[in-house]
C-alpha atoms as a PDB file:
ATOM      1  CA  MET A   1    -171.778  20.340 118.676  1.00  0.00           C
ATOM      2  CA  THR A   2    -168.902  18.043 119.504  1.00  0.00           C
ATOM      3  CA  ALA A   3    -168.579  16.347 122.890  1.00  0.00           C
ATOM      4  CA  ASP A   4    -166.091  19.041 123.908  1.00  0.00           C
ATOM      5  CA  PRO A   5    -167.099  22.266 122.130  1.00  0.00           C
ATOM      6  CA  CYS A   6    -164.929  24.274 124.526  1.00  0.00           C
ATOM      7  CA  PHE A   7    -161.649  22.772 123.303  1.00  0.00           C
ATOM      8  CA  VAL A   8    -159.630  25.595 121.822  1.00  0.00           C
ATOM      9  CA  ASP A   9    -156.204  25.902 120.296  1.00  0.00           C
ATOM     10  CA  ALA A  10    -154.285  29.185 120.370  1.00  0.00           C
ATOM     11  CA  ARG A  11    -155.899  30.407 117.139  1.00  0.00           C
ATOM     12  CA  ALA A  12    -159.428  29.632 118.351  1.00  0.00           C
ATOM     13  CA  ALA A  13    -158.649  31.261 121.708  1.00  0.00           C
ATOM     14  CA  ALA A  14    -157.556  34.428 119.869  1.00  0.00           C
ATOM     15  CA  ILE A  15    -160.805  34.445 117.871  1.00  0.00           C
ATOM     16  CA  VAL A  16    -162.928  34.031 121.007  1.00  0.00           C
ATOM     17  CA  ALA A  17    -160.935  36.730 122.837  1.00  0.00           C
ATOM     18  CA  ALA A  18    -161.365  39.123 119.901  1.00  0.00           C
ATOM     19  CA  ALA A  19    -165.107  38.404 119.759  1.00  0.00           C
ATOM     20  CA  ARG A  20    -165.439  39.028 123.508  1.00  0.00           C
ATOM     21  CA  GLY A  21    -163.808  42.411 122.951  1.00  0.00           C
ATOM     22  CA  TRP A  22    -166.924  43.345 120.942  1.00  0.00           C
ATOM     23  CA  LEU A  23    -169.356  42.576 123.797  1.00  0.00           C
ATOM     24  CA  GLY A  24    -171.532  45.585 124.528  1.00  0.00           C
ATOM     25  CA  THR A  25    -171.135  47.072 121.046  1.00  0.00           C
ATOM     26  CA  PRO A  26    -174.543  48.448 120.044  1.00  0.00           C
ATOM     27  CA  TYR A  27    -176.464  46.875 117.187  1.00  0.00           C
ATOM     28  CA  ARG A  28    -176.157  48.913 114.000  1.00  0.00           C
ATOM     29  CA  HIS A  29    -177.302  47.479 110.677  1.00  0.00           C
ATOM     30  CA  GLN A  30    -174.351  47.112 108.222  1.00  0.00           C
ATOM     31  CA  ALA A  31    -171.853  48.488 110.760  1.00  0.00           C
ATOM     32  CA  SER A  32    -168.575  46.839 111.760  1.00  0.00           C
ATOM     33  CA  LEU A  33    -166.855  49.066 114.310  1.00  0.00           C
ATOM     34  CA  ARG A  34    -166.120  47.699 117.780  1.00  0.00           C
ATOM     35  CA  GLY A  35    -167.688  49.847 120.467  1.00  0.00           C
ATOM     36  CA  ALA A  36    -169.627  51.971 117.967  1.00  0.00           C
ATOM     37  CA  GLY A  37    -171.898  49.500 116.172  1.00  0.00           C
ATOM     38  CA  ALA A  38    -172.156  46.134 114.457  1.00  0.00           C
ATOM     39  CA  ASP A  39    -174.642  43.683 113.065  1.00  0.00           C
ATOM     40  CA  CYS A  40    -173.912  39.940 113.033  1.00  0.00           C
ATOM     41  CA  LEU A  41    -171.945  40.131 109.781  1.00  0.00           C
ATOM     42  CA  GLY A  42    -170.104  43.214 111.019  1.00  0.00           C
ATOM     43  CA  LEU A  43    -169.040  41.338 114.148  1.00  0.00           C
ATOM     44  CA  VAL A  44    -167.556  38.473 112.109  1.00  0.00           C
ATOM     45  CA  ARG A  45    -165.906  40.973 109.748  1.00  0.00           C
ATOM     46  CA  GLY A  46    -164.401  42.852 112.690  1.00  0.00           C
ATOM     47  CA  VAL A  47    -163.055  39.688 114.320  1.00  0.00           C
ATOM     48  CA  TRP A  48    -161.622  38.696 110.925  1.00  0.00           C
ATOM     49  CA  ARG A  49    -159.770  42.024 110.693  1.00  0.00           C
ATOM     50  CA  GLU A  50    -158.418  41.684 114.235  1.00  0.00           C
ATOM     51  CA  VAL A  51    -157.236  38.071 113.958  1.00  0.00           C
ATOM     52  CA  ILE A  52    -156.774  37.269 110.252  1.00  0.00           C
ATOM     53  CA  GLY A  53    -156.047  40.628 108.608  1.00  0.00           C
ATOM     54  CA  PRO A  54    -157.690  42.624 105.827  1.00  0.00           C
ATOM     55  CA  GLU A  55    -161.123  41.491 104.735  1.00  0.00           C
ATOM     56  CA  PRO A  56    -161.074  39.404 101.549  1.00  0.00           C
ATOM     57  CA  GLU A  57    -164.085  41.223 100.075  1.00  0.00           C
ATOM     58  CA  ALA A  58    -166.391  44.059 101.012  1.00  0.00           C
ATOM     59  CA  PRO A  59    -170.036  43.087 101.383  1.00  0.00           C
ATOM     60  CA  PRO A  60    -172.468  44.952  99.157  1.00  0.00           C
ATOM     61  CA  PRO A  61    -175.139  47.083 100.824  1.00  0.00           C
ATOM     62  CA  TYR A  62    -177.928  44.896 102.207  1.00  0.00           C
ATOM     63  CA  SER A  63    -181.334  45.435 103.735  1.00  0.00           C
ATOM     64  CA  PRO A  64    -182.595  43.720 106.905  1.00  0.00           C
ATOM     65  CA  ASP A  65    -184.678  41.348 104.761  1.00  0.00           C
ATOM     66  CA  TRP A  66    -181.861  40.729 102.252  1.00  0.00           C
ATOM     67  CA  SER A  67    -181.954  37.501 100.315  1.00  0.00           C
ATOM     68  CA  GLU A  68    -185.438  36.633 101.533  1.00  0.00           C
ATOM     69  CA  PRO A  69    -187.384  37.675  98.417  1.00  0.00           C
ATOM     70  CA  SER A  70    -184.964  35.822  96.126  1.00  0.00           C
ATOM     71  CA  ARG A  71    -184.202  32.997  98.604  1.00  0.00           C
ATOM     72  CA  ASP A  72    -180.569  33.459  97.643  1.00  0.00           C
ATOM     73  CA  GLU A  73    -178.008  31.928 100.034  1.00  0.00           C
ATOM     74  CA  ARG A  74    -175.583  34.845  99.546  1.00  0.00           C
ATOM     75  CA  LEU A  75    -174.185  34.772 103.069  1.00  0.00           C
ATOM     76  CA  TRP A  76    -173.584  31.008 102.925  1.00  0.00           C
ATOM     77  CA  ARG A  77    -171.764  31.283  99.603  1.00  0.00           C
ATOM     78  CA  ALA A  78    -169.637  34.196 100.832  1.00  0.00           C
ATOM     79  CA  ALA A  79    -168.652  32.301 103.981  1.00  0.00           C
ATOM     80  CA  ALA A  80    -167.754  29.232 101.903  1.00  0.00           C
ATOM     81  CA  ARG A  81    -165.519  31.356  99.645  1.00  0.00           C
ATOM     82  CA  HIS A  82    -163.363  32.537 102.534  1.00  0.00           C
ATOM     83  CA  MET A  83    -163.745  30.027 105.370  1.00  0.00           C
ATOM     84  CA  THR A  84    -163.514  26.265 105.742  1.00  0.00           C
ATOM     85  CA  PRO A  85    -166.976  24.646 105.724  1.00  0.00           C
ATOM     86  CA  LEU A  86    -167.616  22.177 108.564  1.00  0.00           C
ATOM     87  CA  ALA A  87    -170.396  19.849 109.537  1.00  0.00           C
ATOM     88  CA  PRO A  88    -172.231  21.732 112.316  1.00  0.00           C
ATOM     89  CA  GLU A  89    -171.530  18.891 114.759  1.00  0.00           C
ATOM     90  CA  GLU A  90    -167.774  19.432 114.187  1.00  0.00           C
ATOM     91  CA  ALA A  91    -167.901  23.107 115.225  1.00  0.00           C
ATOM     92  CA  ARG A  92    -165.877  24.132 118.252  1.00  0.00           C
ATOM     93  CA  ALA A  93    -165.058  27.369 120.034  1.00  0.00           C
ATOM     94  CA  GLY A  94    -163.871  30.013 117.574  1.00  0.00           C
ATOM     95  CA  ASP A  95    -165.933  28.684 114.670  1.00  0.00           C
ATOM     96  CA  VAL A  96    -168.689  30.630 112.926  1.00  0.00           C
ATOM     97  CA  LEU A  97    -172.244  29.334 112.945  1.00  0.00           C
ATOM     98  CA  LEU A  98    -174.747  30.314 110.271  1.00  0.00           C
ATOM     99  CA  PHE A  99    -178.435  30.287 111.208  1.00  0.00           C
ATOM    100  CA  ARG A 100    -181.800  30.239 109.461  1.00  0.00           C
ATOM    101  CA  MET A 101    -184.223  32.396 111.379  1.00  0.00           C
ATOM    102  CA  ARG A 102    -187.137  30.614 109.678  1.00  0.00           C
ATOM    103  CA  ARG A 103    -187.089  27.062 108.316  1.00  0.00           C
ATOM    104  CA  THR A 104    -187.778  28.077 104.707  1.00  0.00           C
ATOM    105  CA  ALA A 105    -185.806  31.334 104.716  1.00  0.00           C
ATOM    106  CA  PRO A 106    -182.211  31.800 103.587  1.00  0.00           C
ATOM    107  CA  ALA A 107    -179.583  31.592 106.316  1.00  0.00           C
ATOM    108  CA  LYS A 108    -178.703  35.123 107.365  1.00  0.00           C
ATOM    109  CA  HIS A 109    -177.585  35.261 110.995  1.00  0.00           C
ATOM    110  CA  LEU A 110    -174.050  34.587 112.226  1.00  0.00           C
ATOM    111  CA  GLY A 111    -172.530  33.832 115.605  1.00  0.00           C
ATOM    112  CA  ILE A 112    -169.103  32.824 116.883  1.00  0.00           C
ATOM    113  CA  LEU A 113    -169.127  29.713 119.050  1.00  0.00           C
ATOM    114  CA  THR A 114    -167.644  30.136 122.556  1.00  0.00           C
ATOM    115  CA  CYS A 115    -167.905  28.388 125.868  1.00  0.00           C
ATOM    116  CA  MET A 116    -168.377  29.752 129.322  1.00  0.00           C
ATOM    117  CA  GLY A 117    -169.261  28.228 132.632  1.00  0.00           C
ATOM    118  CA  GLY A 118    -168.044  25.247 134.589  1.00  0.00           C
ATOM    119  CA  GLU A 119    -169.824  22.592 132.565  1.00  0.00           C
ATOM    120  CA  GLY A 120    -168.625  23.652 129.133  1.00  0.00           C
ATOM    121  CA  GLU A 121    -172.042  24.872 128.082  1.00  0.00           C
ATOM    122  CA  PRO A 122    -171.898  25.931 124.426  1.00  0.00           C
ATOM    123  CA  ARG A 123    -172.453  29.631 123.934  1.00  0.00           C
ATOM    124  CA  MET A 124    -172.061  32.088 121.120  1.00  0.00           C
ATOM    125  CA  ILE A 125    -171.278  35.732 120.588  1.00  0.00           C
ATOM    126  CA  HIS A 126    -173.515  37.458 118.079  1.00  0.00           C
ATOM    127  CA  ALA A 127    -174.992  40.862 117.305  1.00  0.00           C
ATOM    128  CA  TYR A 128    -178.692  40.805 117.903  1.00  0.00           C
ATOM    129  CA  SER A 129    -181.123  43.561 116.973  1.00  0.00           C
ATOM    130  CA  GLY A 130    -182.266  45.394 120.084  1.00  0.00           C
ATOM    131  CA  ARG A 131    -179.490  43.883 122.236  1.00  0.00           C
ATOM    132  CA  GLY A 132    -176.194  44.614 120.507  1.00  0.00           C
ATOM    133  CA  VAL A 133    -173.250  42.234 120.702  1.00  0.00           C
ATOM    134  CA  VAL A 134    -173.963  39.673 123.412  1.00  0.00           C
ATOM    135  CA  GLU A 135    -172.854  36.238 124.532  1.00  0.00           C
ATOM    136  CA  SER A 136    -175.837  33.893 124.628  1.00  0.00           C
ATOM    137  CA  SER A 137    -176.513  30.271 125.436  1.00  0.00           C
ATOM    138  CA  LEU A 138    -176.597  28.068 122.361  1.00  0.00           C
ATOM    139  CA  GLY A 139    -179.755  26.404 123.597  1.00  0.00           C
ATOM    140  CA  PRO A 140    -182.182  24.200 121.682  1.00  0.00           C
ATOM    141  CA  SER A 141    -183.959  27.118 119.968  1.00  0.00           C
ATOM    142  CA  TRP A 142    -180.676  28.312 118.445  1.00  0.00           C
ATOM    143  CA  ARG A 143    -179.297  24.834 117.747  1.00  0.00           C
ATOM    144  CA  ARG A 144    -182.243  23.832 115.595  1.00  0.00           C
ATOM    145  CA  ARG A 145    -181.653  26.919 113.441  1.00  0.00           C
ATOM    146  CA  ILE A 146    -178.013  26.083 112.602  1.00  0.00           C
ATOM    147  CA  ALA A 147    -177.679  25.789 108.831  1.00  0.00           C
ATOM    148  CA  ALA A 148    -173.891  25.574 108.508  1.00  0.00           C
ATOM    149  CA  ALA A 149    -170.593  26.020 110.311  1.00  0.00           C
ATOM    150  CA  PHE A 150    -167.297  27.482 109.142  1.00  0.00           C
ATOM    151  CA  ARG A 151    -163.761  27.810 110.462  1.00  0.00           C
ATOM    152  CA  PHE A 152    -161.695  30.960 110.027  1.00  0.00           C
ATOM    153  CA  PRO A 153    -158.676  30.429 107.743  1.00  0.00           C
ATOM    154  CA  ARG A 154    -155.214  29.939 109.218  1.00  0.00           C
END
């Protein structure tokens, strides 16, 4: 992350505010409805709809282990089609982080970078199985899993 990951412009502030509106939404695989259910992709899709407008493409049905058998980086390619790729160290509040849950597995978890707290501690909002949409510390265990970063389009 950059030296000041909490720096936000008006657009980034709108993205973070929209994402915070999803806090407490229960985890539901393939869902994208604030308050009713979302997975990590559904959260990003919902924030997109609230801040950017209509979704540029509908995701196909996917299983919880999607892309793992084929090792296909489908989520990465989809993000790159519609968002601006960044070096992970350039990510700031309002940007989307893509994570690998295992070193050799395809990247398949998303979070939106935020900041909270007096010291500008990096945090993220993500939908996590068993917890729903939460804001979590972007500590060392999450940071080492970052595969890519993307910025929402203007």
